[in-house]
Amino acid sequence: MIIDEKEYSSLALLKWIVAFAITQWLQIPGLVRTLLVLMAMDYMAGLMIAITGGKLCARVGWKGLVKKVATLTLLLALHVAENQAGFSAGLESICGLGFIINELISLIQNFAALGVPIPSPLMTALAAAKSVRGSNARQDDVDSLSAQRSEAVATDTNATAHRIEDKL
């Protein structure tokens, strides 16, 4: 098979772009990579909720993206400030971990809204994390997730009872 010069150039460019992207990704600190992956997962889960609920709205999607960019900008500002100060106070790591926890909470909420049964220990951890977050905590979110969890458990229990009755 003969590849013409134009196709070869395109293939070489694509390989270069992929290699460049991989090397740049590997240079990002692990904390930020984790945050980026969780943000992408959270955004996709939010899209799934919007699509399944028939409430897909570009404005809401952009608002979510702007919040995520603002979060990353704050993390970058802390990184630059610590580097310029010449010492590390750990602010970047502390805030990064806080943002990771926030994304995990959001993921759990989104999965619960999609009808995924959330295990009780995770619900307990969520309630504890929300109480630690202080002013950002909303008890109605925890109550809503608890109700969804109870409903899912009741549905599973009823289904199990019906299967047992069928076997008898």
N, C-alpha and C. Protein backbone atom coordinates (compact mmCIF):
# COMPACT_ATOMS: atom_id res chain seq x y z
N MET A 1 0.84 -1.17 0.00
CA MET A 1 0.00 0.00 0.00
C MET A 1 0.89 1.23 0.00
N ILE A 2 0.61 2.12 -0.90
CA ILE A 2 1.41 3.34 -1.03
C ILE A 2 0.66 4.49 -0.37
N ILE A 3 1.34 5.18 0.51
CA ILE A 3 0.76 6.34 1.18
C ILE A 3 1.35 7.58 0.54
N ASP A 4 0.47 8.46 0.07
CA ASP A 4 1.00 9.67 -0.56
C ASP A 4 1.54 10.63 0.52
N GLU A 5 2.25 11.61 0.06
CA GLU A 5 2.94 12.54 0.97
C GLU A 5 1.97 13.28 1.87
N LYS A 6 0.81 13.64 1.36
CA LYS A 6 -0.18 14.39 2.14
C LYS A 6 -0.71 13.54 3.30
N GLU A 7 -1.06 12.27 3.02
CA GLU A 7 -1.55 11.37 4.06
C GLU A 7 -0.46 11.11 5.10
N TYR A 8 0.79 10.94 4.64
CA TYR A 8 1.90 10.69 5.55
C TYR A 8 2.10 11.88 6.48
N SER A 9 1.99 13.09 5.94
CA SER A 9 2.15 14.30 6.75
C SER A 9 1.06 14.40 7.79
N SER A 10 -0.18 14.08 7.41
CA SER A 10 -1.30 14.12 8.35
C SER A 10 -1.13 13.09 9.45
N LEU A 11 -0.70 11.90 9.09
CA LEU A 11 -0.47 10.84 10.06
C LEU A 11 0.66 11.23 11.02
N ALA A 12 1.72 11.79 10.50
CA ALA A 12 2.84 12.22 11.33
C ALA A 12 2.41 13.34 12.29
N LEU A 13 1.61 14.26 11.80
CA LEU A 13 1.11 15.35 12.64
C LEU A 13 0.23 14.81 13.75
N LEU A 14 -0.66 13.87 13.43
CA LEU A 14 -1.53 13.26 14.43
C LEU A 14 -0.72 12.55 15.50
N LYS A 15 0.29 11.79 15.10
CA LYS A 15 1.16 11.10 16.06
C LYS A 15 1.88 12.11 16.96
N TRP A 16 2.34 13.21 16.38
CA TRP A 16 3.03 14.23 17.15
C TRP A 16 2.09 14.86 18.17
N ILE A 17 0.86 15.16 17.76
CA ILE A 17 -0.12 15.77 18.66
C ILE A 17 -0.44 14.83 19.82
N VAL A 18 -0.64 13.55 19.53
CA VAL A 18 -0.93 12.57 20.58
C VAL A 18 0.25 12.46 21.54
N ALA A 19 1.45 12.37 21.02
CA ALA A 19 2.64 12.27 21.87
C ALA A 19 2.79 13.52 22.73
N PHE A 20 2.58 14.68 22.15
CA PHE A 20 2.66 15.94 22.89
C PHE A 20 1.62 15.98 24.01
N ALA A 21 0.38 15.57 23.70
CA ALA A 21 -0.69 15.59 24.70
C ALA A 21 -0.37 14.65 25.86
N ILE A 22 0.15 13.48 25.55
CA ILE A 22 0.50 12.52 26.60
C ILE A 22 1.62 13.06 27.49
N THR A 23 2.66 13.62 26.89
CA THR A 23 3.76 14.15 27.71
C THR A 23 3.30 15.32 28.56
N GLN A 24 2.42 16.16 28.01
CA GLN A 24 1.91 17.28 28.81
C GLN A 24 1.03 16.78 29.94
N TRP A 25 0.18 15.78 29.68
CA TRP A 25 -0.68 15.21 30.71
C TRP A 25 0.15 14.63 31.85
N LEU A 26 1.24 13.98 31.52
CA LEU A 26 2.08 13.35 32.55
C LEU A 26 2.84 14.38 33.38
N GLN A 27 2.99 15.59 32.88
CA GLN A 27 3.68 16.63 33.64
C GLN A 27 2.75 17.34 34.63
N ILE A 28 1.45 17.14 34.49
CA ILE A 28 0.50 17.75 35.42
C ILE A 28 0.58 16.99 36.74
N PRO A 29 0.63 17.72 37.86
CA PRO A 29 0.68 17.03 39.17
C PRO A 29 -0.52 16.09 39.35
N GLY A 30 -0.29 15.00 40.06
CA GLY A 30 -1.32 13.97 40.26
C GLY A 30 -2.60 14.51 40.86
N LEU A 31 -2.49 15.45 41.78
CA LEU A 31 -3.66 16.04 42.42
C LEU A 31 -4.55 16.74 41.38
N VAL A 32 -3.93 17.48 40.49
CA VAL A 32 -4.67 18.21 39.46
C VAL A 32 -5.24 17.24 38.43
N ARG A 33 -4.47 16.21 38.08
CA ARG A 33 -4.98 15.20 37.13
C ARG A 33 -6.23 14.52 37.70
N THR A 34 -6.17 14.18 38.99
CA THR A 34 -7.32 13.55 39.65
C THR A 34 -8.52 14.49 39.61
N LEU A 35 -8.28 15.76 39.93
CA LEU A 35 -9.36 16.74 39.91
C LEU A 35 -9.95 16.89 38.51
N LEU A 36 -9.10 16.93 37.48
CA LEU A 36 -9.58 17.05 36.11
C LEU A 36 -10.45 15.85 35.70
N VAL A 37 -10.02 14.65 36.07
CA VAL A 37 -10.78 13.45 35.74
C VAL A 37 -12.14 13.48 36.45
N LEU A 38 -12.13 13.82 37.74
CA LEU A 38 -13.39 13.87 38.49
C LEU A 38 -14.32 14.96 37.94
N MET A 39 -13.75 16.10 37.55
CA MET A 39 -14.56 17.17 36.96
C MET A 39 -15.21 16.70 35.66
N ALA A 40 -14.46 16.00 34.85
CA ALA A 40 -15.01 15.50 33.59
C ALA A 40 -16.12 14.48 33.86
N MET A 41 -15.91 13.59 34.82
CA MET A 41 -16.93 12.61 35.17
C MET A 41 -18.18 13.29 35.71
N ASP A 42 -17.99 14.29 36.56
CA ASP A 42 -19.12 15.02 37.14
C ASP A 42 -19.91 15.74 36.05
N TYR A 43 -19.21 16.35 35.12
CA TYR A 43 -19.88 17.06 34.03
C TYR A 43 -20.69 16.08 33.18
N MET A 44 -20.09 14.92 32.88
CA MET A 44 -20.81 13.91 32.10
C MET A 44 -22.03 13.39 32.85
N ALA A 45 -21.90 13.19 34.16
CA ALA A 45 -23.04 12.74 34.95
C ALA A 45 -24.14 13.80 34.95
N GLY A 46 -23.76 15.06 35.05
CA GLY A 46 -24.74 16.14 34.98
C GLY A 46 -25.45 16.16 33.64
N LEU A 47 -24.70 15.92 32.57
CA LEU A 47 -25.32 15.84 31.24
C LEU A 47 -26.31 14.68 31.16
N MET A 48 -25.95 13.53 31.74
CA MET A 48 -26.85 12.38 31.72
C MET A 48 -28.15 12.70 32.46
N ILE A 49 -28.03 13.40 33.60
CA ILE A 49 -29.23 13.79 34.35
C ILE A 49 -30.09 14.72 33.50
N ALA A 50 -29.46 15.70 32.88
CA ALA A 50 -30.20 16.67 32.07
C ALA A 50 -30.88 15.99 30.89
N ILE A 51 -30.19 15.08 30.25
CA ILE A 51 -30.75 14.39 29.08
C ILE A 51 -31.90 13.48 29.50
N THR A 52 -31.69 12.67 30.54
CA THR A 52 -32.75 11.75 30.96
C THR A 52 -33.95 12.49 31.55
N GLY A 53 -33.71 13.66 32.13
CA GLY A 53 -34.81 14.43 32.70
C GLY A 53 -35.45 15.38 31.72
N GLY A 54 -34.92 15.43 30.50
CA GLY A 54 -35.46 16.32 29.48
C GLY A 54 -35.24 17.79 29.80
N LYS A 55 -34.18 18.09 30.54
CA LYS A 55 -33.91 19.47 30.94
C LYS A 55 -32.54 19.95 30.47
N LEU A 56 -32.12 19.47 29.32
CA LEU A 56 -30.82 19.87 28.79
C LEU A 56 -30.87 21.35 28.41
N CYS A 57 -29.93 22.12 28.98
CA CYS A 57 -29.92 23.57 28.78
C CYS A 57 -28.47 24.02 28.63
N ALA A 58 -28.18 24.67 27.52
CA ALA A 58 -26.82 25.12 27.25
C ALA A 58 -26.33 26.09 28.32
N ARG A 59 -27.19 26.98 28.78
CA ARG A 59 -26.80 27.98 29.78
C ARG A 59 -26.34 27.30 31.08
N VAL A 60 -27.08 26.29 31.51
CA VAL A 60 -26.71 25.58 32.73
C VAL A 60 -25.39 24.84 32.53
N GLY A 61 -25.23 24.24 31.36
CA GLY A 61 -23.97 23.53 31.07
C GLY A 61 -22.78 24.48 31.08
N TRP A 62 -22.94 25.64 30.45
CA TRP A 62 -21.85 26.61 30.45
C TRP A 62 -21.56 27.13 31.85
N LYS A 63 -22.61 27.32 32.64
CA LYS A 63 -22.41 27.78 34.02
C LYS A 63 -21.58 26.77 34.80
N GLY A 64 -21.86 25.48 34.60
CA GLY A 64 -21.08 24.44 35.26
C GLY A 64 -19.63 24.44 34.81
N LEU A 65 -19.41 24.62 33.51
CA LEU A 65 -18.04 24.68 33.00
C LEU A 65 -17.29 25.90 33.54
N VAL A 66 -17.98 27.04 33.63
CA VAL A 66 -17.34 28.24 34.16
C VAL A 66 -16.91 28.03 35.61
N LYS A 67 -17.76 27.37 36.40
CA LYS A 67 -17.40 27.08 37.79
C LYS A 67 -16.16 26.18 37.87
N LYS A 68 -16.10 25.20 36.98
CA LYS A 68 -14.96 24.28 36.99
C LYS A 68 -13.68 25.01 36.57
N VAL A 69 -13.78 25.88 35.57
CA VAL A 69 -12.62 26.67 35.14
C VAL A 69 -12.19 27.61 36.27
N ALA A 70 -13.15 28.21 36.97
CA ALA A 70 -12.82 29.09 38.09
C ALA A 70 -12.11 28.32 39.20
N THR A 71 -12.55 27.10 39.45
CA THR A 71 -11.88 26.25 40.45
C THR A 71 -10.44 25.99 40.06
N LEU A 72 -10.22 25.63 38.80
CA LEU A 72 -8.86 25.36 38.33
C LEU A 72 -8.01 26.64 38.34
N THR A 73 -8.63 27.78 38.05
CA THR A 73 -7.91 29.06 38.07
C THR A 73 -7.46 29.39 39.49
N LEU A 74 -8.33 29.16 40.47
CA LEU A 74 -7.96 29.39 41.86
C LEU A 74 -6.80 28.48 42.27
N LEU A 75 -6.87 27.23 41.86
CA LEU A 75 -5.78 26.30 42.17
C LEU A 75 -4.48 26.75 41.52
N LEU A 76 -4.55 27.23 40.29
CA LEU A 76 -3.37 27.74 39.59
C LEU A 76 -2.81 28.97 40.31
N ALA A 77 -3.70 29.87 40.75
CA ALA A 77 -3.26 31.07 41.46
C ALA A 77 -2.52 30.70 42.75
N LEU A 78 -3.04 29.72 43.46
CA LEU A 78 -2.35 29.27 44.69
C LEU A 78 -0.99 28.68 44.37
N HIS A 79 -0.92 27.92 43.29
CA HIS A 79 0.35 27.33 42.87
C HIS A 79 1.38 28.41 42.55
N VAL A 80 0.96 29.40 41.77
CA VAL A 80 1.87 30.50 41.39
C VAL A 80 2.29 31.29 42.63
N ALA A 81 1.35 31.59 43.51
CA ALA A 81 1.66 32.36 44.72
C ALA A 81 2.65 31.62 45.60
N GLU A 82 2.46 30.32 45.78
CA GLU A 82 3.40 29.55 46.61
C GLU A 82 4.78 29.50 45.96
N ASN A 83 4.82 29.35 44.64
CA ASN A 83 6.12 29.32 43.96
C ASN A 83 6.83 30.66 44.08
N GLN A 84 6.10 31.75 43.95
CA GLN A 84 6.71 33.09 44.03
C GLN A 84 7.14 33.42 45.45
N ALA A 85 6.44 32.87 46.44
CA ALA A 85 6.80 33.12 47.83
C ALA A 85 8.08 32.38 48.21
N GLY A 86 8.42 31.36 47.48
CA GLY A 86 9.66 30.63 47.74
C GLY A 86 9.51 29.53 48.77
N PHE A 87 8.32 29.33 49.27
CA PHE A 87 8.08 28.23 50.20
C PHE A 87 6.66 27.72 49.98
N SER A 88 6.42 26.52 50.44
CA SER A 88 5.10 25.93 50.26
C SER A 88 4.39 25.85 51.60
N ALA A 89 3.25 26.52 51.67
CA ALA A 89 2.43 26.46 52.88
C ALA A 89 1.42 25.33 52.78
N GLY A 90 1.38 24.65 51.66
CA GLY A 90 0.46 23.54 51.47
C GLY A 90 -0.94 23.97 51.06
N LEU A 91 -1.12 25.26 50.75
CA LEU A 91 -2.45 25.74 50.37
C LEU A 91 -2.96 25.07 49.10
N GLU A 92 -2.06 24.89 48.15
CA GLU A 92 -2.46 24.26 46.88
C GLU A 92 -2.98 22.85 47.12
N SER A 93 -2.26 22.08 47.95
CA SER A 93 -2.67 20.71 48.23
C SER A 93 -3.96 20.65 49.03
N ILE A 94 -4.07 21.51 50.02
CA ILE A 94 -5.26 21.52 50.87
C ILE A 94 -6.49 21.89 50.03
N CYS A 95 -6.38 22.95 49.24
CA CYS A 95 -7.51 23.36 48.40
C CYS A 95 -7.80 22.31 47.34
N GLY A 96 -6.76 21.73 46.77
CA GLY A 96 -6.96 20.69 45.76
C GLY A 96 -7.71 19.50 46.32
N LEU A 97 -7.34 19.07 47.53
CA LEU A 97 -8.06 17.96 48.16
C LEU A 97 -9.50 18.35 48.46
N GLY A 98 -9.71 19.59 48.88
CA GLY A 98 -11.07 20.06 49.14
C GLY A 98 -11.91 20.04 47.88
N PHE A 99 -11.32 20.47 46.76
CA PHE A 99 -12.04 20.46 45.50
C PHE A 99 -12.33 19.03 45.03
N ILE A 100 -11.39 18.11 45.29
CA ILE A 100 -11.60 16.70 44.94
C ILE A 100 -12.77 16.14 45.75
N ILE A 101 -12.81 16.43 47.04
CA ILE A 101 -13.91 15.98 47.88
C ILE A 101 -15.23 16.55 47.37
N ASN A 102 -15.22 17.83 47.01
CA ASN A 102 -16.43 18.46 46.49
C ASN A 102 -16.91 17.78 45.20
N GLU A 103 -15.99 17.43 44.32
CA GLU A 103 -16.37 16.74 43.08
C GLU A 103 -16.92 15.34 43.38
N LEU A 104 -16.32 14.66 44.36
CA LEU A 104 -16.83 13.33 44.73
C LEU A 104 -18.24 13.43 45.29
N ILE A 105 -18.50 14.44 46.12
CA ILE A 105 -19.85 14.65 46.66
C ILE A 105 -20.82 14.90 45.51
N SER A 106 -20.43 15.73 44.59
CA SER A 106 -21.28 16.04 43.44
C SER A 106 -21.55 14.78 42.61
N LEU A 107 -20.53 13.96 42.42
CA LEU A 107 -20.71 12.71 41.67
C LEU A 107 -21.71 11.80 42.36
N ILE A 108 -21.59 11.66 43.68
CA ILE A 108 -22.51 10.81 44.43
C ILE A 108 -23.94 11.34 44.28
N GLN A 109 -24.11 12.65 44.40
CA GLN A 109 -25.43 13.25 44.24
C GLN A 109 -25.98 13.00 42.83
N ASN A 110 -25.12 13.15 41.84
CA ASN A 110 -25.57 12.93 40.46
C ASN A 110 -25.95 11.48 40.21
N PHE A 111 -25.14 10.55 40.73
CA PHE A 111 -25.47 9.14 40.54
C PHE A 111 -26.75 8.77 41.27
N ALA A 112 -26.97 9.34 42.46
CA ALA A 112 -28.21 9.09 43.19
C ALA A 112 -29.40 9.63 42.39
N ALA A 113 -29.23 10.80 41.78
CA ALA A 113 -30.30 11.38 40.96
C ALA A 113 -30.59 10.52 39.73
N LEU A 114 -29.58 9.80 39.25
CA LEU A 114 -29.78 8.90 38.12
C LEU A 114 -30.41 7.57 38.52
N GLY A 115 -30.58 7.38 39.84
CA GLY A 115 -31.20 6.16 40.33
C GLY A 115 -30.22 5.07 40.72
N VAL A 116 -28.94 5.39 40.76
CA VAL A 116 -27.95 4.41 41.19
C VAL A 116 -28.07 4.25 42.70
N PRO A 117 -28.25 3.03 43.20
CA PRO A 117 -28.35 2.86 44.65
C PRO A 117 -27.01 3.19 45.32
N ILE A 118 -27.06 4.04 46.31
CA ILE A 118 -25.85 4.48 47.01
C ILE A 118 -25.72 3.68 48.31
N PRO A 119 -24.58 3.00 48.54
CA PRO A 119 -24.41 2.21 49.77
C PRO A 119 -24.48 3.08 51.02
N SER A 120 -25.00 2.51 52.08
CA SER A 120 -25.16 3.23 53.35
C SER A 120 -23.86 3.86 53.86
N PRO A 121 -22.72 3.13 53.84
CA PRO A 121 -21.49 3.76 54.34
C PRO A 121 -21.11 5.02 53.54
N LEU A 122 -21.41 5.00 52.26
CA LEU A 122 -21.13 6.16 51.42
C LEU A 122 -22.06 7.32 51.79
N MET A 123 -23.30 7.00 52.10
CA MET A 123 -24.24 8.03 52.54
C MET A 123 -23.78 8.65 53.85
N THR A 124 -23.27 7.83 54.76
CA THR A 124 -22.76 8.33 56.03
C THR A 124 -21.56 9.23 55.80
N ALA A 125 -20.66 8.81 54.92
CA ALA A 125 -19.48 9.63 54.60
C ALA A 125 -19.90 10.94 53.96
N LEU A 126 -20.92 10.89 53.10
CA LEU A 126 -21.41 12.10 52.45
C LEU A 126 -21.97 13.07 53.48
N ALA A 127 -22.75 12.55 54.42
CA ALA A 127 -23.31 13.41 55.47
C ALA A 127 -22.20 14.03 56.30
N ALA A 128 -21.16 13.24 56.60
CA ALA A 128 -20.02 13.76 57.38
C ALA A 128 -19.27 14.83 56.59
N ALA A 129 -19.07 14.58 55.31
CA ALA A 129 -18.35 15.55 54.48
C ALA A 129 -19.15 16.84 54.36
N LYS A 130 -20.45 16.72 54.24
CA LYS A 130 -21.28 17.91 54.13
C LYS A 130 -21.25 18.72 55.42
N SER A 131 -21.20 18.04 56.56
CA SER A 131 -21.15 18.78 57.82
C SER A 131 -19.81 19.49 57.99
N VAL A 132 -18.76 18.91 57.44
CA VAL A 132 -17.44 19.54 57.51
C VAL A 132 -17.37 20.75 56.59
N ARG A 133 -18.07 20.69 55.46
CA ARG A 133 -18.03 21.79 54.50
C ARG A 133 -18.64 23.06 55.06
N GLY A 134 -19.39 22.95 56.14
CA GLY A 134 -19.90 24.14 56.81
C GLY A 134 -21.01 24.82 56.06
N SER A 135 -20.79 26.07 55.69
CA SER A 135 -21.85 26.88 55.11
C SER A 135 -22.32 26.36 53.77
N ASN A 136 -21.51 25.57 53.08
CA ASN A 136 -21.92 25.02 51.80
C ASN A 136 -22.83 23.81 51.97
N ALA A 137 -22.89 23.27 53.18
CA ALA A 137 -23.69 22.07 53.42
C ALA A 137 -25.16 22.43 53.42
N ARG A 138 -25.94 21.60 52.77
CA ARG A 138 -27.38 21.79 52.77
C ARG A 138 -28.00 20.47 53.22
N GLN A 139 -28.66 20.48 54.36
CA GLN A 139 -29.22 19.26 54.91
C GLN A 139 -30.24 18.64 53.97
N ASP A 140 -30.92 19.48 53.19
CA ASP A 140 -31.93 18.94 52.28
C ASP A 140 -31.30 18.03 51.22
N ASP A 141 -30.04 18.30 50.83
CA ASP A 141 -29.35 17.42 49.89
C ASP A 141 -29.13 16.05 50.50
N VAL A 142 -28.67 16.04 51.75
CA VAL A 142 -28.42 14.77 52.45
C VAL A 142 -29.74 14.04 52.65
N ASP A 143 -30.80 14.76 53.05
CA ASP A 143 -32.10 14.15 53.25
C ASP A 143 -32.63 13.57 51.94
N SER A 144 -32.44 14.31 50.85
CA SER A 144 -32.89 13.85 49.54
C SER A 144 -32.17 12.57 49.14
N LEU A 145 -30.85 12.53 49.36
CA LEU A 145 -30.09 11.33 49.03
C LEU A 145 -30.51 10.16 49.92
N SER A 146 -30.76 10.44 51.20
CA SER A 146 -31.21 9.39 52.11
C SER A 146 -32.54 8.82 51.66
N ALA A 147 -33.46 9.69 51.24
CA ALA A 147 -34.76 9.24 50.76
C ALA A 147 -34.60 8.40 49.50
N GLN A 148 -33.72 8.84 48.58
CA GLN A 148 -33.49 8.08 47.36
C GLN A 148 -32.89 6.72 47.69
N ARG A 149 -32.00 6.69 48.64
CA ARG A 149 -31.37 5.43 49.06
C ARG A 149 -32.42 4.51 49.66
N SER A 150 -33.27 5.05 50.53
CA SER A 150 -34.32 4.25 51.16
C SER A 150 -35.28 3.70 50.12
N GLU A 151 -35.63 4.53 49.13
CA GLU A 151 -36.53 4.10 48.07
C GLU A 151 -35.90 2.98 47.25
N ALA A 152 -34.60 3.12 46.94
CA ALA A 152 -33.91 2.09 46.16
C ALA A 152 -33.83 0.79 46.95
N VAL A 153 -33.56 0.87 48.27
CA VAL A 153 -33.48 -0.32 49.11
C VAL A 153 -34.85 -0.98 49.18
N ALA A 154 -35.92 -0.17 49.33
CA ALA A 154 -37.27 -0.72 49.39
C ALA A 154 -37.63 -1.43 48.08
N THR A 155 -37.26 -0.83 46.97
CA THR A 155 -37.53 -1.44 45.67
C THR A 155 -36.78 -2.76 45.54
N ASP A 156 -35.49 -2.77 45.94
CA ASP A 156 -34.70 -3.99 45.88
C ASP A 156 -35.27 -5.05 46.81
N THR A 157 -35.74 -4.63 48.00
CA THR A 157 -36.31 -5.57 48.97
C THR A 157 -37.59 -6.18 48.42
N ASN A 158 -38.44 -5.35 47.81
CA ASN A 158 -39.68 -5.86 47.21
C ASN A 158 -39.39 -6.83 46.08
N ALA A 159 -38.42 -6.50 45.25
CA ALA A 159 -38.06 -7.38 44.13
C ALA A 159 -37.54 -8.71 44.66
N THR A 160 -36.72 -8.66 45.71
CA THR A 160 -36.18 -9.89 46.31
C THR A 160 -37.30 -10.72 46.91
N ALA A 161 -38.25 -10.07 47.58
CA ALA A 161 -39.38 -10.79 48.19
C ALA A 161 -40.21 -11.47 47.11
N HIS A 162 -40.43 -10.80 45.99
CA HIS A 162 -41.20 -11.40 44.90
C HIS A 162 -40.47 -12.61 44.30
N ARG A 163 -39.16 -12.51 44.17
CA ARG A 163 -38.39 -13.63 43.65
C ARG A 163 -38.46 -14.82 44.59
N ILE A 164 -38.41 -14.56 45.90
CA ILE A 164 -38.49 -15.64 46.88
C ILE A 164 -39.87 -16.30 46.82
N GLU A 165 -40.94 -15.47 46.72
CA GLU A 165 -42.30 -16.00 46.62
C GLU A 165 -42.46 -16.87 45.37
N ASP A 166 -41.86 -16.39 44.27
CA ASP A 166 -41.96 -17.16 43.03
C ASP A 166 -41.29 -18.52 43.14
N LYS A 167 -40.21 -18.59 43.89
CA LYS A 167 -39.49 -19.85 44.06
C LYS A 167 -40.26 -20.80 44.96
N LEU A 168 -41.02 -20.24 45.91
CA LEU A 168 -41.79 -21.09 46.81
C LEU A 168 -43.01 -21.59 46.09
